[in-house]
Amino acid sequence: MIRTQAQLTEEQMAALKEIAAERRVSVAELIRRGVDAVIASREGPGLGERRRRALAVVGAFSDPATDVAREHDHYFAEAIDRGPRTSGA
């Protein structure tokens, strides 16, 4: 384990001590459980996984239009005029 320090308010520490006594665990154990809960609740994949997914699709798609860099405004306007596409049609 790695030792660390954190500053808590007096109210936070009092509440933690009370909960720890009720559950018969240490304050440190409560904090570790809290950290685990925060880690588990993180939404979506982490940065490394997002980067891996992005790199996996590089070059996977093609488009016959080769002038998108110059004509992006034109293509954007066309897309707006067409409206949203519906899937499954």
N, C-alpha and C. Protein backbone atom coordinates (compact mmCIF):
# COMPACT_ATOMS: atom_id res chain seq x y z
N MET A 1 0.85 -1.19 0.00
CA MET A 1 0.00 0.00 0.00
C MET A 1 0.88 1.24 0.00
N ILE A 2 0.34 2.31 -0.49
CA ILE A 2 1.03 3.59 -0.53
C ILE A 2 0.42 4.51 0.50
N ARG A 3 1.27 5.10 1.30
CA ARG A 3 0.80 6.03 2.33
C ARG A 3 0.61 7.40 1.68
N THR A 4 -0.50 8.06 2.01
CA THR A 4 -0.78 9.39 1.47
C THR A 4 -1.43 10.24 2.55
N GLN A 5 -1.48 11.53 2.30
CA GLN A 5 -2.14 12.44 3.22
C GLN A 5 -3.24 13.18 2.49
N ALA A 6 -4.29 13.48 3.22
CA ALA A 6 -5.39 14.27 2.68
C ALA A 6 -5.91 15.15 3.81
N GLN A 7 -6.33 16.33 3.46
CA GLN A 7 -6.90 17.22 4.47
C GLN A 7 -8.42 17.17 4.38
N LEU A 8 -9.04 16.92 5.52
CA LEU A 8 -10.49 16.85 5.62
C LEU A 8 -10.97 17.92 6.58
N THR A 9 -12.21 18.29 6.41
CA THR A 9 -12.79 19.22 7.38
C THR A 9 -13.06 18.48 8.68
N GLU A 10 -13.25 19.22 9.75
CA GLU A 10 -13.57 18.58 11.03
C GLU A 10 -14.86 17.78 10.94
N GLU A 11 -15.82 18.32 10.19
CA GLU A 11 -17.10 17.64 10.03
C GLU A 11 -16.94 16.33 9.27
N GLN A 12 -16.13 16.35 8.21
CA GLN A 12 -15.88 15.14 7.44
C GLN A 12 -15.25 14.06 8.31
N MET A 13 -14.22 14.45 9.08
CA MET A 13 -13.53 13.47 9.91
C MET A 13 -14.45 12.92 11.00
N ALA A 14 -15.25 13.78 11.59
CA ALA A 14 -16.19 13.32 12.62
C ALA A 14 -17.17 12.31 12.03
N ALA A 15 -17.68 12.61 10.85
CA ALA A 15 -18.62 11.70 10.21
C ALA A 15 -17.95 10.38 9.85
N LEU A 16 -16.73 10.45 9.33
CA LEU A 16 -16.01 9.23 8.98
C LEU A 16 -15.75 8.36 10.21
N LYS A 17 -15.35 8.99 11.30
CA LYS A 17 -15.10 8.22 12.53
C LYS A 17 -16.37 7.54 13.02
N GLU A 18 -17.47 8.25 12.92
CA GLU A 18 -18.75 7.67 13.35
C GLU A 18 -19.13 6.48 12.47
N ILE A 19 -19.02 6.65 11.17
CA ILE A 19 -19.36 5.56 10.25
C ILE A 19 -18.41 4.39 10.44
N ALA A 20 -17.13 4.68 10.61
CA ALA A 20 -16.14 3.62 10.82
C ALA A 20 -16.47 2.81 12.07
N ALA A 21 -16.85 3.50 13.13
CA ALA A 21 -17.21 2.79 14.37
C ALA A 21 -18.45 1.93 14.16
N GLU A 22 -19.44 2.45 13.46
CA GLU A 22 -20.67 1.69 13.19
C GLU A 22 -20.37 0.43 12.38
N ARG A 23 -19.48 0.56 11.41
CA ARG A 23 -19.17 -0.56 10.52
C ARG A 23 -18.01 -1.42 11.02
N ARG A 24 -17.41 -0.97 12.11
CA ARG A 24 -16.28 -1.70 12.71
C ARG A 24 -15.12 -1.87 11.73
N VAL A 25 -14.79 -0.78 11.05
CA VAL A 25 -13.63 -0.74 10.16
C VAL A 25 -12.86 0.54 10.49
N SER A 26 -11.67 0.66 9.95
CA SER A 26 -10.88 1.87 10.19
C SER A 26 -11.33 2.99 9.25
N VAL A 27 -10.97 4.21 9.63
CA VAL A 27 -11.24 5.35 8.76
C VAL A 27 -10.49 5.15 7.44
N ALA A 28 -9.25 4.64 7.51
CA ALA A 28 -8.48 4.39 6.28
C ALA A 28 -9.22 3.43 5.36
N GLU A 29 -9.84 2.39 5.93
CA GLU A 29 -10.59 1.43 5.11
C GLU A 29 -11.79 2.11 4.45
N LEU A 30 -12.47 2.97 5.18
CA LEU A 30 -13.59 3.71 4.58
C LEU A 30 -13.11 4.56 3.42
N ILE A 31 -11.98 5.23 3.60
CA ILE A 31 -11.45 6.08 2.53
C ILE A 31 -11.07 5.23 1.32
N ARG A 32 -10.43 4.08 1.55
CA ARG A 32 -10.09 3.19 0.42
C ARG A 32 -11.35 2.75 -0.32
N ARG A 33 -12.39 2.41 0.43
CA ARG A 33 -13.66 2.01 -0.21
C ARG A 33 -14.26 3.18 -1.00
N GLY A 34 -14.16 4.37 -0.46
CA GLY A 34 -14.66 5.54 -1.17
C GLY A 34 -13.90 5.78 -2.46
N VAL A 35 -12.58 5.63 -2.40
CA VAL A 35 -11.76 5.78 -3.61
C VAL A 35 -12.14 4.71 -4.63
N ASP A 36 -12.32 3.48 -4.19
CA ASP A 36 -12.74 2.41 -5.10
C ASP A 36 -14.08 2.73 -5.76
N ALA A 37 -15.00 3.30 -4.99
CA ALA A 37 -16.32 3.65 -5.54
C ALA A 37 -16.20 4.74 -6.61
N VAL A 38 -15.35 5.71 -6.37
CA VAL A 38 -15.14 6.78 -7.36
C VAL A 38 -14.53 6.20 -8.63
N ILE A 39 -13.53 5.33 -8.48
CA ILE A 39 -12.90 4.72 -9.64
C ILE A 39 -13.91 3.88 -10.42
N ALA A 40 -14.73 3.10 -9.73
CA ALA A 40 -15.72 2.25 -10.39
C ALA A 40 -16.80 3.05 -11.10
N SER A 41 -17.08 4.25 -10.60
CA SER A 41 -18.17 5.04 -11.18
C SER A 41 -17.72 5.88 -12.37
N ARG A 42 -16.44 5.86 -12.66
CA ARG A 42 -15.93 6.65 -13.77
C ARG A 42 -16.64 6.23 -15.05
N GLU A 43 -17.14 7.20 -15.78
CA GLU A 43 -17.91 6.90 -16.98
C GLU A 43 -16.98 6.66 -18.17
N GLY A 44 -17.25 5.61 -18.90
CA GLY A 44 -16.55 5.35 -20.14
C GLY A 44 -15.12 4.90 -19.96
N PRO A 45 -14.48 4.60 -21.07
CA PRO A 45 -13.10 4.12 -21.03
C PRO A 45 -12.13 5.26 -20.70
N GLY A 46 -10.98 4.90 -20.19
CA GLY A 46 -9.96 5.88 -19.87
C GLY A 46 -9.28 6.41 -21.12
N LEU A 47 -8.37 7.35 -20.92
CA LEU A 47 -7.67 7.99 -22.03
C LEU A 47 -6.93 6.98 -22.89
N GLY A 48 -6.24 6.04 -22.27
CA GLY A 48 -5.50 5.04 -23.04
C GLY A 48 -6.39 4.21 -23.94
N GLU A 49 -7.53 3.79 -23.42
CA GLU A 49 -8.47 3.00 -24.22
C GLU A 49 -9.08 3.84 -25.33
N ARG A 50 -9.42 5.10 -25.06
CA ARG A 50 -9.97 5.97 -26.11
C ARG A 50 -8.94 6.18 -27.22
N ARG A 51 -7.69 6.36 -26.84
CA ARG A 51 -6.62 6.55 -27.83
C ARG A 51 -6.47 5.28 -28.68
N ARG A 52 -6.48 4.11 -28.02
CA ARG A 52 -6.35 2.85 -28.76
C ARG A 52 -7.49 2.68 -29.76
N ARG A 53 -8.72 3.00 -29.33
CA ARG A 53 -9.89 2.89 -30.22
C ARG A 53 -9.78 3.85 -31.40
N ALA A 54 -9.33 5.07 -31.13
CA ALA A 54 -9.20 6.05 -32.21
C ALA A 54 -8.17 5.59 -33.24
N LEU A 55 -7.03 5.10 -32.77
CA LEU A 55 -5.99 4.64 -33.68
C LEU A 55 -6.43 3.41 -34.47
N ALA A 56 -7.31 2.61 -33.89
CA ALA A 56 -7.77 1.40 -34.56
C ALA A 56 -8.61 1.71 -35.79
N VAL A 57 -9.25 2.86 -35.85
CA VAL A 57 -10.09 3.19 -37.00
C VAL A 57 -9.42 4.10 -38.01
N VAL A 58 -8.20 4.53 -37.72
CA VAL A 58 -7.48 5.38 -38.67
C VAL A 58 -7.33 4.62 -39.98
N GLY A 59 -7.78 5.23 -41.06
CA GLY A 59 -7.67 4.64 -42.38
C GLY A 59 -8.74 3.59 -42.69
N ALA A 60 -9.66 3.36 -41.78
CA ALA A 60 -10.67 2.33 -41.98
C ALA A 60 -11.81 2.79 -42.88
N PHE A 61 -11.92 4.07 -43.11
CA PHE A 61 -13.01 4.60 -43.91
C PHE A 61 -12.45 5.36 -45.11
N SER A 62 -13.20 5.36 -46.18
CA SER A 62 -12.76 6.10 -47.37
C SER A 62 -13.94 6.88 -47.92
N ASP A 63 -13.62 7.88 -48.69
CA ASP A 63 -14.63 8.74 -49.29
C ASP A 63 -14.11 9.14 -50.66
N PRO A 64 -14.95 9.10 -51.69
CA PRO A 64 -14.47 9.47 -53.02
C PRO A 64 -14.11 10.96 -53.13
N ALA A 65 -14.63 11.77 -52.24
CA ALA A 65 -14.31 13.20 -52.29
C ALA A 65 -12.87 13.40 -51.83
N THR A 66 -12.06 14.02 -52.69
CA THR A 66 -10.66 14.25 -52.34
C THR A 66 -10.38 15.72 -52.06
N ASP A 67 -11.41 16.55 -52.13
CA ASP A 67 -11.20 17.99 -51.96
C ASP A 67 -11.88 18.52 -50.70
N VAL A 68 -12.09 17.67 -49.72
CA VAL A 68 -12.81 18.06 -48.52
C VAL A 68 -12.11 19.20 -47.78
N ALA A 69 -10.79 19.19 -47.75
CA ALA A 69 -10.07 20.25 -47.04
C ALA A 69 -10.36 21.61 -47.67
N ARG A 70 -10.42 21.67 -49.00
CA ARG A 70 -10.70 22.95 -49.68
C ARG A 70 -12.19 23.28 -49.68
N GLU A 71 -13.03 22.29 -49.84
CA GLU A 71 -14.45 22.51 -50.08
C GLU A 71 -15.33 22.14 -48.88
N HIS A 72 -14.78 22.16 -47.67
CA HIS A 72 -15.55 21.73 -46.51
C HIS A 72 -16.82 22.52 -46.31
N ASP A 73 -16.80 23.84 -46.59
CA ASP A 73 -18.02 24.64 -46.44
C ASP A 73 -19.12 24.15 -47.38
N HIS A 74 -18.74 23.82 -48.60
CA HIS A 74 -19.69 23.32 -49.60
C HIS A 74 -20.33 22.01 -49.12
N TYR A 75 -19.49 21.07 -48.67
CA TYR A 75 -20.01 19.79 -48.20
C TYR A 75 -20.87 19.95 -46.96
N PHE A 76 -20.48 20.84 -46.08
CA PHE A 76 -21.26 21.09 -44.88
C PHE A 76 -22.64 21.65 -45.25
N ALA A 77 -22.67 22.62 -46.18
CA ALA A 77 -23.94 23.20 -46.61
C ALA A 77 -24.84 22.13 -47.24
N GLU A 78 -24.26 21.26 -48.04
CA GLU A 78 -25.04 20.17 -48.64
C GLU A 78 -25.65 19.28 -47.56
N ALA A 79 -24.86 18.97 -46.56
CA ALA A 79 -25.35 18.10 -45.49
C ALA A 79 -26.49 18.77 -44.73
N ILE A 80 -26.38 20.06 -44.51
CA ILE A 80 -27.44 20.80 -43.81
C ILE A 80 -28.70 20.81 -44.66
N ASP A 81 -28.56 21.05 -45.95
CA ASP A 81 -29.73 21.07 -46.85
C ASP A 81 -30.42 19.71 -46.90
N ARG A 82 -29.63 18.63 -46.84
CA ARG A 82 -30.22 17.28 -46.90
C ARG A 82 -31.01 16.97 -45.64
N GLY A 83 -30.60 17.53 -44.52
CA GLY A 83 -31.26 17.23 -43.25
C GLY A 83 -30.70 15.96 -42.66
N PRO A 84 -31.22 15.60 -41.49
CA PRO A 84 -30.70 14.41 -40.81
C PRO A 84 -31.04 13.14 -41.57
N ARG A 85 -30.11 12.22 -41.55
CA ARG A 85 -30.35 10.92 -42.17
C ARG A 85 -31.00 10.01 -41.14
N THR A 86 -31.88 9.15 -41.58
CA THR A 86 -32.50 8.19 -40.67
C THR A 86 -31.89 6.84 -40.96
N SER A 87 -31.60 6.08 -39.92
CA SER A 87 -31.01 4.76 -40.10
C SER A 87 -32.09 3.73 -40.39
N GLY A 88 -31.69 2.68 -41.05
CA GLY A 88 -32.60 1.58 -41.33
C GLY A 88 -33.48 1.79 -42.52
N ALA A 89 -33.24 2.84 -43.31
CA ALA A 89 -34.08 3.09 -44.48
C ALA A 89 -33.50 2.49 -45.73
